[in-house]
């Protein structure tokens, strides 16, 4: 899995990840590193109040992981040329006590 962050405004940053089904072979590593990484991103960006992006509505495993990371999933919206459903999500700084 690859992931990263890009600050887009003073108070917000977009996070992204790209993974394969092979990540399910190493769930402990993913869980152990997720919150630590997100907290570090908030520490490195003191003005950022929330991280955000979109997740495909059918990606239930991703939604479970995002919620475990403290994400709030919003109602799905049609996006892209095919109008597929995506949930916007945010992870707030307050979830990480930094």
Protein backbone atom coordinates (compact mmCIF):
# COMPACT_ATOMS: atom_id res chain seq x y z
CA UNK A 1 0.00 0.00 0.00
CA UNK A 2 1.18 3.50 -0.82
CA UNK A 3 -0.25 6.56 0.86
CA UNK A 4 0.41 10.24 1.16
CA UNK A 5 -0.86 13.67 2.07
CA UNK A 6 -1.00 17.05 0.33
CA UNK A 7 -2.04 20.23 2.10
CA UNK A 8 -4.50 22.14 -0.09
CA UNK A 9 -5.57 25.03 2.16
CA UNK A 10 -4.36 26.38 5.47
CA UNK A 11 -6.81 24.15 7.35
CA UNK A 12 -7.19 21.10 5.08
CA UNK A 13 -5.17 18.39 3.40
CA UNK A 14 -6.05 15.60 0.99
CA UNK A 15 -4.94 12.10 1.89
CA UNK A 16 -4.70 9.29 -0.62
CA UNK A 17 -3.83 5.63 -0.74
CA UNK A 18 -3.42 2.96 -3.34
CA UNK A 19 -3.50 -0.67 -2.30
CA UNK A 20 -4.13 -4.16 -3.56
CA UNK A 21 -6.00 -7.10 -2.04
CA UNK A 22 -2.60 -8.30 -0.78
CA UNK A 23 -2.90 -5.79 2.09
CA UNK A 24 -5.28 -8.28 3.74
CA UNK A 25 -2.27 -10.58 4.19
CA UNK A 26 -0.71 -7.99 6.55
CA UNK A 27 -3.61 -6.46 8.51
CA UNK A 28 -1.58 -6.00 11.69
CA UNK A 29 1.03 -3.85 9.92
CA UNK A 30 -1.68 -1.69 8.37
CA UNK A 31 -3.49 -1.20 11.68
CA UNK A 32 -0.31 -0.53 13.66
CA UNK A 33 0.90 2.13 11.24
CA UNK A 34 -2.33 3.88 10.23
CA UNK A 35 -3.07 6.00 13.28
CA UNK A 36 0.61 6.71 13.91
CA UNK A 37 1.01 8.03 10.38
CA UNK A 38 -2.16 10.14 10.51
CA UNK A 39 -1.12 11.65 13.84
CA UNK A 40 2.33 12.45 12.43
CA UNK A 41 0.73 14.20 9.45
CA UNK A 42 -1.26 16.41 11.83
CA UNK A 43 1.85 17.16 13.91
CA UNK A 44 3.83 18.09 10.78
CA UNK A 45 1.01 20.41 9.64
CA UNK A 46 -0.06 22.37 12.74
CA UNK A 47 -2.65 24.50 10.90
CA UNK A 48 -4.47 21.54 9.32
CA UNK A 49 -7.78 20.85 11.06
CA UNK A 50 -8.92 17.96 8.88
CA UNK A 51 -7.81 15.44 6.26
CA UNK A 52 -10.21 14.61 3.46
CA UNK A 53 -10.89 12.71 0.25
CA UNK A 54 -13.47 10.40 -1.36
CA UNK A 55 -13.94 6.63 -1.21
CA UNK A 56 -15.88 4.49 -3.68
CA UNK A 57 -19.25 3.59 -2.17
CA UNK A 58 -18.78 -0.14 -2.79
CA UNK A 59 -15.43 -0.37 -0.96
CA UNK A 60 -16.70 -1.67 2.38
CA UNK A 61 -13.27 -2.86 3.62
CA UNK A 62 -11.85 0.63 3.00
CA UNK A 63 -14.79 2.19 4.86
CA UNK A 64 -14.13 -0.05 7.92
CA UNK A 65 -10.48 0.98 7.95
CA UNK A 66 -11.32 4.68 7.52
CA UNK A 67 -13.81 4.57 10.39
CA UNK A 68 -11.21 2.83 12.57
CA UNK A 69 -8.88 5.74 11.72
CA UNK A 70 -11.53 8.20 12.93
CA UNK A 71 -13.05 9.15 9.59
CA UNK A 72 -16.55 10.48 9.19
CA UNK A 73 -18.12 9.22 5.95
CA UNK A 74 -20.68 11.55 4.42
CA UNK A 75 -23.55 10.50 2.12
CA UNK A 76 -22.44 9.21 -1.28
CA UNK A 77 -22.47 11.48 -4.32
CA UNK A 78 -22.40 10.62 -8.04
CA UNK A 79 -19.01 11.49 -9.52
CA UNK A 80 -16.98 11.04 -12.67
CA UNK A 81 -18.11 10.35 -16.22
CA UNK A 82 -20.10 7.26 -15.17
CA UNK A 83 -21.76 8.88 -12.18
CA UNK A 84 -20.42 6.26 -9.77
CA UNK A 85 -21.15 6.78 -6.07
CA UNK A 86 -18.36 8.08 -3.81
CA UNK A 87 -18.48 9.00 -0.12
CA UNK A 88 -16.65 12.17 0.87
CA UNK A 89 -14.84 11.64 4.18
CA UNK A 90 -12.98 13.71 6.74
CA UNK A 91 -10.64 12.88 9.60
CA UNK A 92 -10.52 15.67 12.15
CA UNK A 93 -7.46 16.73 14.13
CA UNK A 94 -9.49 16.41 17.34
CA UNK A 95 -9.53 12.60 16.86
CA UNK A 96 -5.75 12.63 17.32
CA UNK A 97 -5.34 14.94 20.32
CA UNK A 98 -2.58 17.04 18.72
